[in-house]
Amino acid sequence: MIRNLFFFLSFTILLGACSTSKESTGVAIPITDVVKTSNNPICFNHSVLVLDSATYFAVVHSELIKRLAFSQERQLNGYKGFYLFGKTNYIELFHPKSFDGYEEEEGGMWINLAPLKANYITNLNWEKLDFVTYESNDHYYDLSLIVGDSISPIATWEMTKAHYESWTKKEYNDSMDFLPVDYNSLQDSDSSDNYLMSDVIGIGLRLNPDDSLAMVSYLNAVGFAAVSELNGLTRISNNDQFFELHFSRNKKLPTINRFYIRLSKPVEPIIEIIGNSRIQCDGKLAIWYFEK
């Protein structure tokens, strides 16, 4: 399972953050240049999505993707994936045979959120939620959402004191604010400066309505507290970033069906098909759709 794999193996490339304005696509989205920690104690870190093999290889060789983002295919311990880096968050893409020793189901996903305040998870009001799990190790405190048959589509990881000081080379204190880039590889973050992709600011999820209460309650509990309706869809926001919920009775497990990506400068309208996905760019917004 994706979440279990990355709990143990994904400690080196981490991320976070974003913003608010309206783009010429007509989609109301958050867009600013920084995460305001006083109002926004949590942000996107990274997102994992398993594509069908044809789409994965089309993405890896896409000229548009090469212009859009600092991106690389990387062989890591136990898996090989394709990474697109923004300034404070990133996307991990795989295909079903990316993993050593087993196949992952197409559409598999996992989203990691990053608290921006020390002791954030400890102070959350989550104990009465019966669809979350809390764990910890030497690196992170982990509060995960559980849906369906013990599936974890979203987790919130807060760095421990030891990991923060080892990773950032900075001193920790119990009342400090983290920067979104504290969770990052600074080299990857800096390398993104010369590309169009600034950050992921919104994530569309397709899920069964039976999981809606757990999903909304979890996101509310961890800091995505603003709930609104837009074009018949539910949006859950922390005022800088948002989740957009698309409900389908035909969907057994949650999956990511789109990314909203803030661009560093305006671009002319363009639509490009990449395998079974589609990217639509207009102004300072790109929307990457993954529904067949």
C-alpha atoms as a PDB file:
ATOM      1  CA  MET A   1       0.000   0.000   0.000  1.00  0.00           C
ATOM      2  CA  ILE A   2       1.289   3.436  -0.983  1.00  0.00           C
ATOM      3  CA  ARG A   3       0.952   5.114   2.383  1.00  0.00           C
ATOM      4  CA  ASN A   4       2.843   2.347   4.178  1.00  0.00           C
ATOM      5  CA  LEU A   5       5.637   2.384   1.595  1.00  0.00           C
ATOM      6  CA  PHE A   6       6.254   6.095   1.903  1.00  0.00           C
ATOM      7  CA  PHE A   7       6.014   6.166   5.689  1.00  0.00           C
ATOM      8  CA  PHE A   8       9.263   4.200   5.775  1.00  0.00           C
ATOM      9  CA  LEU A   9      11.043   5.314   2.595  1.00  0.00           C
ATOM     10  CA  SER A  10      10.142   8.935   1.886  1.00  0.00           C
ATOM     11  CA  PHE A  11      12.159  10.992   4.371  1.00  0.00           C
ATOM     12  CA  THR A  12      14.388  12.955   2.012  1.00  0.00           C
ATOM     13  CA  ILE A  13      12.212  14.985  -0.387  1.00  0.00           C
ATOM     14  CA  LEU A  14       9.573  16.977   1.477  1.00  0.00           C
ATOM     15  CA  LEU A  15       7.467  20.079   0.870  1.00  0.00           C
ATOM     16  CA  GLY A  16       4.625  22.574   1.403  1.00  0.00           C
ATOM     17  CA  ALA A  17       2.655  25.849   0.531  1.00  0.00           C
ATOM     18  CA  CYS A  18       0.521  28.462  -1.345  1.00  0.00           C
ATOM     19  CA  SER A  19      -2.101  31.254  -2.027  1.00  0.00           C
ATOM     20  CA  THR A  20      -5.402  33.580  -3.617  1.00  0.00           C
ATOM     21  CA  SER A  21      -6.700  35.282  -6.716  1.00  0.00           C
ATOM     22  CA  LYS A  22      -8.855  34.666  -9.769  1.00  0.00           C
ATOM     23  CA  GLU A  23      -7.380  33.500 -13.027  1.00  0.00           C
ATOM     24  CA  SER A  24      -8.702  33.846 -16.557  1.00  0.00           C
ATOM     25  CA  THR A  25      -9.885  30.230 -16.465  1.00  0.00           C
ATOM     26  CA  GLY A  26     -12.779  31.445 -14.340  1.00  0.00           C
ATOM     27  CA  VAL A  27     -11.778  29.116 -11.510  1.00  0.00           C
ATOM     28  CA  ALA A  28     -11.652  30.794  -8.097  1.00  0.00           C
ATOM     29  CA  ILE A  29      -8.371  29.687  -6.524  1.00  0.00           C
ATOM     30  CA  PRO A  30      -6.002  30.739  -3.766  1.00  0.00           C
ATOM     31  CA  ILE A  31      -2.817  32.463  -5.083  1.00  0.00           C
ATOM     32  CA  THR A  32      -0.218  34.482  -3.134  1.00  0.00           C
ATOM     33  CA  ASP A  33       3.506  34.103  -2.833  1.00  0.00           C
ATOM     34  CA  VAL A  34       3.874  32.896   0.744  1.00  0.00           C
ATOM     35  CA  VAL A  35       2.091  30.860   3.392  1.00  0.00           C
ATOM     36  CA  LYS A  36       0.994  33.073   6.266  1.00  0.00           C
ATOM     37  CA  THR A  37       1.801  30.947   9.287  1.00  0.00           C
ATOM     38  CA  SER A  38      -0.184  33.132  11.663  1.00  0.00           C
ATOM     39  CA  ASN A  39      -3.380  32.274   9.773  1.00  0.00           C
ATOM     40  CA  ASN A  40      -2.302  29.065   8.110  1.00  0.00           C
ATOM     41  CA  PRO A  41      -0.738  26.503  10.418  1.00  0.00           C
ATOM     42  CA  ILE A  42      -0.740  23.704   7.825  1.00  0.00           C
ATOM     43  CA  CYS A  43       0.056  23.332   4.142  1.00  0.00           C
ATOM     44  CA  PHE A  44       0.524  20.861   1.286  1.00  0.00           C
ATOM     45  CA  ASN A  45       3.745  18.888   1.458  1.00  0.00           C
ATOM     46  CA  HIS A  46       3.669  16.300  -1.318  1.00  0.00           C
ATOM     47  CA  SER A  47       1.203  14.212  -3.293  1.00  0.00           C
ATOM     48  CA  VAL A  48       1.575  10.697  -4.684  1.00  0.00           C
ATOM     49  CA  LEU A  49      -0.423   9.354  -7.643  1.00  0.00           C
ATOM     50  CA  VAL A  50      -0.135   6.056  -9.536  1.00  0.00           C
ATOM     51  CA  LEU A  51      -0.830   6.517 -13.257  1.00  0.00           C
ATOM     52  CA  ASP A  52      -1.445   3.909 -15.904  1.00  0.00           C
ATOM     53  CA  SER A  53       1.835   2.937 -17.563  1.00  0.00           C
ATOM     54  CA  ALA A  54       1.136   4.689 -20.882  1.00  0.00           C
ATOM     55  CA  THR A  55       0.368   7.994 -19.155  1.00  0.00           C
ATOM     56  CA  TYR A  56       3.392   7.699 -16.871  1.00  0.00           C
ATOM     57  CA  PHE A  57       5.799   7.268 -19.780  1.00  0.00           C
ATOM     58  CA  ALA A  58       4.075  10.052 -21.745  1.00  0.00           C
ATOM     59  CA  VAL A  59       4.577  12.380 -18.753  1.00  0.00           C
ATOM     60  CA  VAL A  60       8.248  11.423 -18.379  1.00  0.00           C
ATOM     61  CA  HIS A  61       8.922  12.309 -22.037  1.00  0.00           C
ATOM     62  CA  SER A  62       6.587  15.332 -22.309  1.00  0.00           C
ATOM     63  CA  GLU A  63       8.210  18.527 -23.609  1.00  0.00           C
ATOM     64  CA  LEU A  64       5.497  20.579 -21.908  1.00  0.00           C
ATOM     65  CA  ILE A  65       6.290  19.005 -18.533  1.00  0.00           C
ATOM     66  CA  LYS A  66       9.985  19.754 -19.069  1.00  0.00           C
ATOM     67  CA  ARG A  67       9.104  23.427 -19.571  1.00  0.00           C
ATOM     68  CA  LEU A  68       6.510  23.508 -16.816  1.00  0.00           C
ATOM     69  CA  ALA A  69       8.492  22.206 -13.848  1.00  0.00           C
ATOM     70  CA  PHE A  70      11.857  21.138 -12.567  1.00  0.00           C
ATOM     71  CA  SER A  71      11.221  17.408 -13.005  1.00  0.00           C
ATOM     72  CA  GLN A  72      13.232  14.206 -12.868  1.00  0.00           C
ATOM     73  CA  GLU A  73      12.766  10.457 -12.903  1.00  0.00           C
ATOM     74  CA  ARG A  74      14.571   9.067  -9.845  1.00  0.00           C
ATOM     75  CA  GLN A  75      15.486   5.597  -8.661  1.00  0.00           C
ATOM     76  CA  LEU A  76      15.178   5.448  -4.879  1.00  0.00           C
ATOM     77  CA  ASN A  77      15.292   2.628  -2.345  1.00  0.00           C
ATOM     78  CA  GLY A  78      12.557   0.219  -3.405  1.00  0.00           C
ATOM     79  CA  TYR A  79      10.896   2.262  -6.134  1.00  0.00           C
ATOM     80  CA  LYS A  80      11.375   4.503  -9.140  1.00  0.00           C
ATOM     81  CA  GLY A  81       9.202   7.559  -9.738  1.00  0.00           C
ATOM     82  CA  PHE A  82       8.855  10.839 -11.570  1.00  0.00           C
ATOM     83  CA  TYR A  83       9.039  14.053  -9.525  1.00  0.00           C
ATOM     84  CA  LEU A  84       7.811  17.569 -10.296  1.00  0.00           C
ATOM     85  CA  PHE A  85       9.064  20.191  -7.850  1.00  0.00           C
ATOM     86  CA  GLY A  86       7.552  23.514  -6.889  1.00  0.00           C
ATOM     87  CA  LYS A  87       9.056  26.056  -4.541  1.00  0.00           C
ATOM     88  CA  THR A  88       7.455  24.557  -1.440  1.00  0.00           C
ATOM     89  CA  ASN A  89       5.698  21.354  -2.527  1.00  0.00           C
ATOM     90  CA  TYR A  90       6.014  18.614  -5.098  1.00  0.00           C
ATOM     91  CA  ILE A  91       4.255  15.787  -6.961  1.00  0.00           C
ATOM     92  CA  GLU A  92       5.373  12.147  -7.095  1.00  0.00           C
ATOM     93  CA  LEU A  93       4.077  10.064 -10.026  1.00  0.00           C
ATOM     94  CA  PHE A  94       4.365   6.300 -10.453  1.00  0.00           C
ATOM     95  CA  HIS A  95       3.031   3.501 -12.621  1.00  0.00           C
ATOM     96  CA  PRO A  96       1.807   0.135 -11.295  1.00  0.00           C
ATOM     97  CA  LYS A  97       5.213  -1.564 -11.693  1.00  0.00           C
ATOM     98  CA  SER A  98       7.295   1.255 -10.178  1.00  0.00           C
ATOM     99  CA  PHE A  99       7.761  -0.652  -6.941  1.00  0.00           C
ATOM    100  CA  ASP A 100      10.191  -3.467  -6.255  1.00  0.00           C
ATOM    101  CA  GLY A 101       8.506  -6.796  -5.591  1.00  0.00           C
ATOM    102  CA  TYR A 102       4.851  -5.905  -6.141  1.00  0.00           C
ATOM    103  CA  GLU A 103       2.408  -3.951  -8.295  1.00  0.00           C
ATOM    104  CA  GLU A 104       0.440  -0.935  -7.086  1.00  0.00           C
ATOM    105  CA  GLU A 105      -3.120  -0.321  -8.259  1.00  0.00           C
ATOM    106  CA  GLU A 106      -3.629   2.379 -10.876  1.00  0.00           C
ATOM    107  CA  GLY A 107      -5.221   5.420  -9.227  1.00  0.00           C
ATOM    108  CA  GLY A 108      -3.528   4.763  -5.901  1.00  0.00           C
ATOM    109  CA  MET A 109      -2.808   7.990  -4.066  1.00  0.00           C
ATOM    110  CA  TRP A 110      -1.447   9.525  -0.913  1.00  0.00           C
ATOM    111  CA  ILE A 111      -1.281  13.179   0.205  1.00  0.00           C
ATOM    112  CA  ASN A 112       1.071  14.471   2.878  1.00  0.00           C
ATOM    113  CA  LEU A 113       0.316  17.659   4.808  1.00  0.00           C
ATOM    114  CA  ALA A 114       2.894  19.617   6.813  1.00  0.00           C
ATOM    115  CA  PRO A 115       2.179  21.553  10.025  1.00  0.00           C
ATOM    116  CA  LEU A 116       3.896  24.929  10.284  1.00  0.00           C
ATOM    117  CA  LYS A 117       3.878  25.113  14.077  1.00  0.00           C
ATOM    118  CA  ALA A 118       5.715  22.972  16.612  1.00  0.00           C
ATOM    119  CA  ASN A 119       3.472  20.661  18.687  1.00  0.00           C
ATOM    120  CA  TYR A 120       0.635  21.275  16.240  1.00  0.00           C
ATOM    121  CA  ILE A 121      -0.645  17.691  16.102  1.00  0.00           C
ATOM    122  CA  THR A 122      -0.535  17.371  19.894  1.00  0.00           C
ATOM    123  CA  ASN A 123      -2.883  20.351  20.239  1.00  0.00           C
ATOM    124  CA  LEU A 124      -5.398  19.243  17.605  1.00  0.00           C
ATOM    125  CA  ASN A 125      -8.877  18.142  18.635  1.00  0.00           C
ATOM    126  CA  TRP A 126      -8.817  14.745  16.933  1.00  0.00           C
ATOM    127  CA  GLU A 127      -9.224  12.238  19.782  1.00  0.00           C
ATOM    128  CA  LYS A 128     -12.983  11.832  19.229  1.00  0.00           C
ATOM    129  CA  LEU A 129     -12.566  11.043  15.537  1.00  0.00           C
ATOM    130  CA  ASP A 130     -12.780   7.268  15.088  1.00  0.00           C
ATOM    131  CA  PHE A 131     -11.344   7.321  11.544  1.00  0.00           C
ATOM    132  CA  VAL A 132      -7.842   8.587  12.340  1.00  0.00           C
ATOM    133  CA  THR A 133      -4.675   6.935  13.590  1.00  0.00           C
ATOM    134  CA  TYR A 134      -1.798   8.528  15.463  1.00  0.00           C
ATOM    135  CA  GLU A 135       1.747   7.155  15.284  1.00  0.00           C
ATOM    136  CA  SER A 136       5.246   8.487  15.799  1.00  0.00           C
ATOM    137  CA  ASN A 137       8.820   7.534  14.995  1.00  0.00           C
ATOM    138  CA  ASP A 138      12.216   9.218  15.148  1.00  0.00           C
ATOM    139  CA  HIS A 139      11.335  11.510  12.247  1.00  0.00           C
ATOM    140  CA  TYR A 140       7.638  12.436  12.439  1.00  0.00           C
ATOM    141  CA  TYR A 141       4.434  12.585  14.420  1.00  0.00           C
ATOM    142  CA  ASP A 142       1.827  11.126  12.063  1.00  0.00           C
ATOM    143  CA  LEU A 143      -1.938  11.752  12.118  1.00  0.00           C
ATOM    144  CA  SER A 144      -3.580   9.791   9.293  1.00  0.00           C
ATOM    145  CA  LEU A 145      -7.092   9.572   7.902  1.00  0.00           C
ATOM    146  CA  ILE A 146      -8.439   6.010   7.521  1.00  0.00           C
ATOM    147  CA  VAL A 147     -11.247   5.168   5.088  1.00  0.00           C
ATOM    148  CA  GLY A 148     -12.686   1.975   3.659  1.00  0.00           C
ATOM    149  CA  ASP A 149     -10.649  -1.157   4.308  1.00  0.00           C
ATOM    150  CA  SER A 150      -7.867   0.507   6.342  1.00  0.00           C
ATOM    151  CA  ILE A 151      -6.837   2.784   3.471  1.00  0.00           C
ATOM    152  CA  SER A 152      -4.978   6.007   4.361  1.00  0.00           C
ATOM    153  CA  PRO A 153      -5.307   8.603   1.568  1.00  0.00           C
ATOM    154  CA  ILE A 154      -4.038  11.581   3.611  1.00  0.00           C
ATOM    155  CA  ALA A 155      -1.569  11.995   6.460  1.00  0.00           C
ATOM    156  CA  THR A 156      -0.271  14.956   8.443  1.00  0.00           C
ATOM    157  CA  TRP A 157       3.397  14.642   9.380  1.00  0.00           C
ATOM    158  CA  GLU A 158       5.023  16.975  11.898  1.00  0.00           C
ATOM    159  CA  MET A 159       8.801  16.878  12.297  1.00  0.00           C
ATOM    160  CA  THR A 160      10.206  15.771  15.626  1.00  0.00           C
ATOM    161  CA  LYS A 161      12.791  17.932  17.380  1.00  0.00           C
ATOM    162  CA  ALA A 162      15.588  15.517  16.472  1.00  0.00           C
ATOM    163  CA  HIS A 163      14.634  15.334  12.810  1.00  0.00           C
ATOM    164  CA  TYR A 164      14.098  19.098  12.505  1.00  0.00           C
ATOM    165  CA  GLU A 165      17.541  19.889  13.897  1.00  0.00           C
ATOM    166  CA  SER A 166      19.235  17.156  11.864  1.00  0.00           C
ATOM    167  CA  TRP A 167      17.460  18.081   8.612  1.00  0.00           C
ATOM    168  CA  THR A 168      17.489  21.897   8.782  1.00  0.00           C
ATOM    169  CA  LYS A 169      20.623  22.405  10.930  1.00  0.00           C
ATOM    170  CA  LYS A 170      18.590  24.911  12.968  1.00  0.00           C
ATOM    171  CA  GLU A 171      17.682  24.970  16.650  1.00  0.00           C
ATOM    172  CA  TYR A 172      14.211  23.745  17.671  1.00  0.00           C
ATOM    173  CA  ASN A 173      11.956  25.210  20.344  1.00  0.00           C
ATOM    174  CA  ASP A 174       8.464  24.170  21.436  1.00  0.00           C
ATOM    175  CA  SER A 175       6.732  27.389  20.340  1.00  0.00           C
ATOM    176  CA  MET A 176       8.440  27.892  16.989  1.00  0.00           C
ATOM    177  CA  ASP A 177       6.953  28.238  13.522  1.00  0.00           C
ATOM    178  CA  PHE A 178       8.250  26.005  10.756  1.00  0.00           C
ATOM    179  CA  LEU A 179       8.796  27.308   7.248  1.00  0.00           C
ATOM    180  CA  PRO A 180       7.266  25.242   4.440  1.00  0.00           C
ATOM    181  CA  VAL A 181      10.757  24.869   2.968  1.00  0.00           C
ATOM    182  CA  ASP A 182      11.968  23.333   6.235  1.00  0.00           C
ATOM    183  CA  TYR A 183      10.318  20.127   4.988  1.00  0.00           C
ATOM    184  CA  ASN A 184      11.993  20.414   1.563  1.00  0.00           C
ATOM    185  CA  SER A 185      15.152  19.483  -0.146  1.00  0.00           C
ATOM    186  CA  LEU A 186      16.520  23.016  -0.553  1.00  0.00           C
ATOM    187  CA  GLN A 187      18.382  21.964  -3.674  1.00  0.00           C
ATOM    188  CA  ASP A 188      15.171  20.822  -5.361  1.00  0.00           C
ATOM    189  CA  SER A 189      13.300  23.909  -4.151  1.00  0.00           C
ATOM    190  CA  ASP A 190      15.965  26.258  -5.484  1.00  0.00           C
ATOM    191  CA  SER A 191      16.119  24.357  -8.790  1.00  0.00           C
ATOM    192  CA  SER A 192      12.420  25.107  -9.352  1.00  0.00           C
ATOM    193  CA  ASP A 193      13.067  28.870  -9.567  1.00  0.00           C
ATOM    194  CA  ASN A 194      13.711  28.793 -13.305  1.00  0.00           C
ATOM    195  CA  TYR A 195      10.470  26.997 -14.189  1.00  0.00           C
ATOM    196  CA  LEU A 196       6.813  27.940 -14.529  1.00  0.00           C
ATOM    197  CA  MET A 197       5.498  25.744 -11.709  1.00  0.00           C
ATOM    198  CA  SER A 198       5.445  27.649  -8.419  1.00  0.00           C
ATOM    199  CA  ASP A 199       3.394  25.280  -6.276  1.00  0.00           C
ATOM    200  CA  VAL A 200       0.357  23.043  -6.113  1.00  0.00           C
ATOM    201  CA  ILE A 201      -2.433  25.144  -4.640  1.00  0.00           C
ATOM    202  CA  GLY A 202      -5.406  22.822  -5.027  1.00  0.00           C
ATOM    203  CA  ILE A 203      -6.063  19.090  -5.234  1.00  0.00           C
ATOM    204  CA  GLY A 204      -9.196  17.532  -6.668  1.00  0.00           C
ATOM    205  CA  LEU A 205     -10.270  14.244  -5.097  1.00  0.00           C
ATOM    206  CA  ARG A 206     -12.809  11.778  -6.478  1.00  0.00           C
ATOM    207  CA  LEU A 207     -14.283   9.696  -3.677  1.00  0.00           C
ATOM    208  CA  ASN A 208     -17.315   7.717  -2.652  1.00  0.00           C
ATOM    209  CA  PRO A 209     -19.966   9.790  -0.818  1.00  0.00           C
ATOM    210  CA  ASP A 210     -19.737   7.287   2.052  1.00  0.00           C
ATOM    211  CA  ASP A 211     -16.238   8.659   2.783  1.00  0.00           C
ATOM    212  CA  SER A 212     -17.277  12.312   2.667  1.00  0.00           C
ATOM    213  CA  LEU A 213     -17.935  12.773   6.398  1.00  0.00           C
ATOM    214  CA  ALA A 214     -14.580  11.268   7.364  1.00  0.00           C
ATOM    215  CA  MET A 215     -12.716  13.289   4.716  1.00  0.00           C
ATOM    216  CA  VAL A 216     -14.316  16.630   5.612  1.00  0.00           C
ATOM    217  CA  SER A 217     -14.015  16.043   9.361  1.00  0.00           C
ATOM    218  CA  TYR A 218     -10.344  15.111   9.087  1.00  0.00           C
ATOM    219  CA  LEU A 219      -9.471  18.111   6.927  1.00  0.00           C
ATOM    220  CA  ASN A 220     -11.402  20.413   9.271  1.00  0.00           C
ATOM    221  CA  ALA A 221      -9.574  18.945  12.279  1.00  0.00           C
ATOM    222  CA  VAL A 222      -6.086  19.480  10.825  1.00  0.00           C
ATOM    223  CA  GLY A 223      -6.699  23.066   9.701  1.00  0.00           C
ATOM    224  CA  PHE A 224      -8.620  23.115   6.417  1.00  0.00           C
ATOM    225  CA  ALA A 225     -11.614  24.647   8.119  1.00  0.00           C
ATOM    226  CA  ALA A 226     -13.365  26.737   5.437  1.00  0.00           C
ATOM    227  CA  VAL A 227     -16.022  24.735   3.583  1.00  0.00           C
ATOM    228  CA  SER A 228     -17.756  26.171   0.517  1.00  0.00           C
ATOM    229  CA  GLU A 229     -19.664  25.088  -2.574  1.00  0.00           C
ATOM    230  CA  LEU A 230     -18.478  26.045  -6.061  1.00  0.00           C
ATOM    231  CA  ASN A 231     -20.163  24.828  -9.250  1.00  0.00           C
ATOM    232  CA  GLY A 232     -21.778  22.006  -7.293  1.00  0.00           C
ATOM    233  CA  LEU A 233     -18.467  20.852  -5.791  1.00  0.00           C
ATOM    234  CA  THR A 234     -17.350  20.987  -2.162  1.00  0.00           C
ATOM    235  CA  ARG A 235     -14.158  22.927  -1.464  1.00  0.00           C
ATOM    236  CA  ILE A 236     -12.303  22.728   1.822  1.00  0.00           C
ATOM    237  CA  SER A 237      -9.693  25.439   2.281  1.00  0.00           C
ATOM    238  CA  ASN A 238      -7.118  26.785   4.701  1.00  0.00           C
ATOM    239  CA  ASN A 239      -7.530  30.154   2.905  1.00  0.00           C
ATOM    240  CA  ASP A 240      -4.346  29.597   0.880  1.00  0.00           C
ATOM    241  CA  GLN A 241      -4.814  26.069  -0.491  1.00  0.00           C
ATOM    242  CA  PHE A 242      -7.834  23.866  -1.067  1.00  0.00           C
ATOM    243  CA  PHE A 243      -9.196  20.401  -1.619  1.00  0.00           C
ATOM    244  CA  GLU A 244     -12.021  19.993  -4.130  1.00  0.00           C
ATOM    245  CA  LEU A 245     -14.272  16.966  -3.583  1.00  0.00           C
ATOM    246  CA  HIS A 246     -15.890  15.139  -6.512  1.00  0.00           C
ATOM    247  CA  PHE A 247     -18.306  12.431  -5.357  1.00  0.00           C
ATOM    248  CA  SER A 248     -18.990   9.214  -7.260  1.00  0.00           C
ATOM    249  CA  ARG A 249     -20.794   6.057  -6.152  1.00  0.00           C
ATOM    250  CA  ASN A 250     -18.648   4.158  -8.652  1.00  0.00           C
ATOM    251  CA  LYS A 251     -15.448   5.071  -6.815  1.00  0.00           C
ATOM    252  CA  LYS A 252     -14.486   2.552  -4.148  1.00  0.00           C
ATOM    253  CA  LEU A 253     -11.293   4.315  -3.029  1.00  0.00           C
ATOM    254  CA  PRO A 254     -10.338   8.009  -3.140  1.00  0.00           C
ATOM    255  CA  THR A 255      -8.080   9.142  -5.957  1.00  0.00           C
ATOM    256  CA  ILE A 256      -6.598  12.412  -7.195  1.00  0.00           C
ATOM    257  CA  ASN A 257      -8.342  13.596 -10.346  1.00  0.00           C
ATOM    258  CA  ARG A 258      -6.662  16.994 -10.783  1.00  0.00           C
ATOM    259  CA  PHE A 259      -3.977  19.344  -9.560  1.00  0.00           C
ATOM    260  CA  TYR A 260      -4.334  23.127  -9.549  1.00  0.00           C
ATOM    261  CA  ILE A 261      -0.863  24.581 -10.081  1.00  0.00           C
ATOM    262  CA  ARG A 262       0.135  28.206  -9.548  1.00  0.00           C
ATOM    263  CA  LEU A 263       2.474  29.480 -12.264  1.00  0.00           C
ATOM    264  CA  SER A 264       5.269  31.986 -11.757  1.00  0.00           C
ATOM    265  CA  LYS A 265       4.213  34.128 -14.718  1.00  0.00           C
ATOM    266  CA  PRO A 266       1.210  34.401 -17.054  1.00  0.00           C
ATOM    267  CA  VAL A 267       1.063  32.138 -20.093  1.00  0.00           C
ATOM    268  CA  GLU A 268      -1.108  32.071 -23.193  1.00  0.00           C
ATOM    269  CA  PRO A 269      -3.984  29.557 -23.152  1.00  0.00           C
ATOM    270  CA  ILE A 270      -2.875  26.034 -24.030  1.00  0.00           C
ATOM    271  CA  ILE A 271      -4.384  22.560 -23.723  1.00  0.00           C
ATOM    272  CA  GLU A 272      -2.189  19.489 -24.121  1.00  0.00           C
ATOM    273  CA  ILE A 273      -3.049  15.799 -23.899  1.00  0.00           C
ATOM    274  CA  ILE A 274      -0.396  13.711 -22.128  1.00  0.00           C
ATOM    275  CA  GLY A 275      -1.328  10.032 -22.214  1.00  0.00           C
ATOM    276  CA  ASN A 276      -4.686   9.770 -20.463  1.00  0.00           C
ATOM    277  CA  SER A 277      -4.211  13.113 -18.718  1.00  0.00           C
ATOM    278  CA  ARG A 278      -4.777  16.692 -19.866  1.00  0.00           C
ATOM    279  CA  ILE A 279      -3.074  19.945 -18.861  1.00  0.00           C
ATOM    280  CA  GLN A 280      -4.859  23.255 -19.357  1.00  0.00           C
ATOM    281  CA  CYS A 281      -2.809  26.436 -18.825  1.00  0.00           C
ATOM    282  CA  ASP A 282      -4.191  29.961 -18.876  1.00  0.00           C
ATOM    283  CA  GLY A 283      -2.809  33.059 -17.158  1.00  0.00           C
ATOM    284  CA  LYS A 284      -1.035  32.057 -13.947  1.00  0.00           C
ATOM    285  CA  LEU A 285      -2.936  28.810 -13.492  1.00  0.00           C
ATOM    286  CA  ALA A 286      -2.455  25.290 -14.804  1.00  0.00           C
ATOM    287  CA  ILE A 287      -4.987  22.527 -14.148  1.00  0.00           C
ATOM    288  CA  TRP A 288      -3.785  18.966 -14.687  1.00  0.00           C
ATOM    289  CA  TYR A 289      -6.678  16.507 -15.144  1.00  0.00           C
ATOM    290  CA  PHE A 290      -6.286  12.752 -14.662  1.00  0.00           C
ATOM    291  CA  GLU A 291      -9.737  11.400 -15.467  1.00  0.00           C
ATOM    292  CA  LYS A 292     -10.030   9.171 -18.528  1.00  0.00           C
END
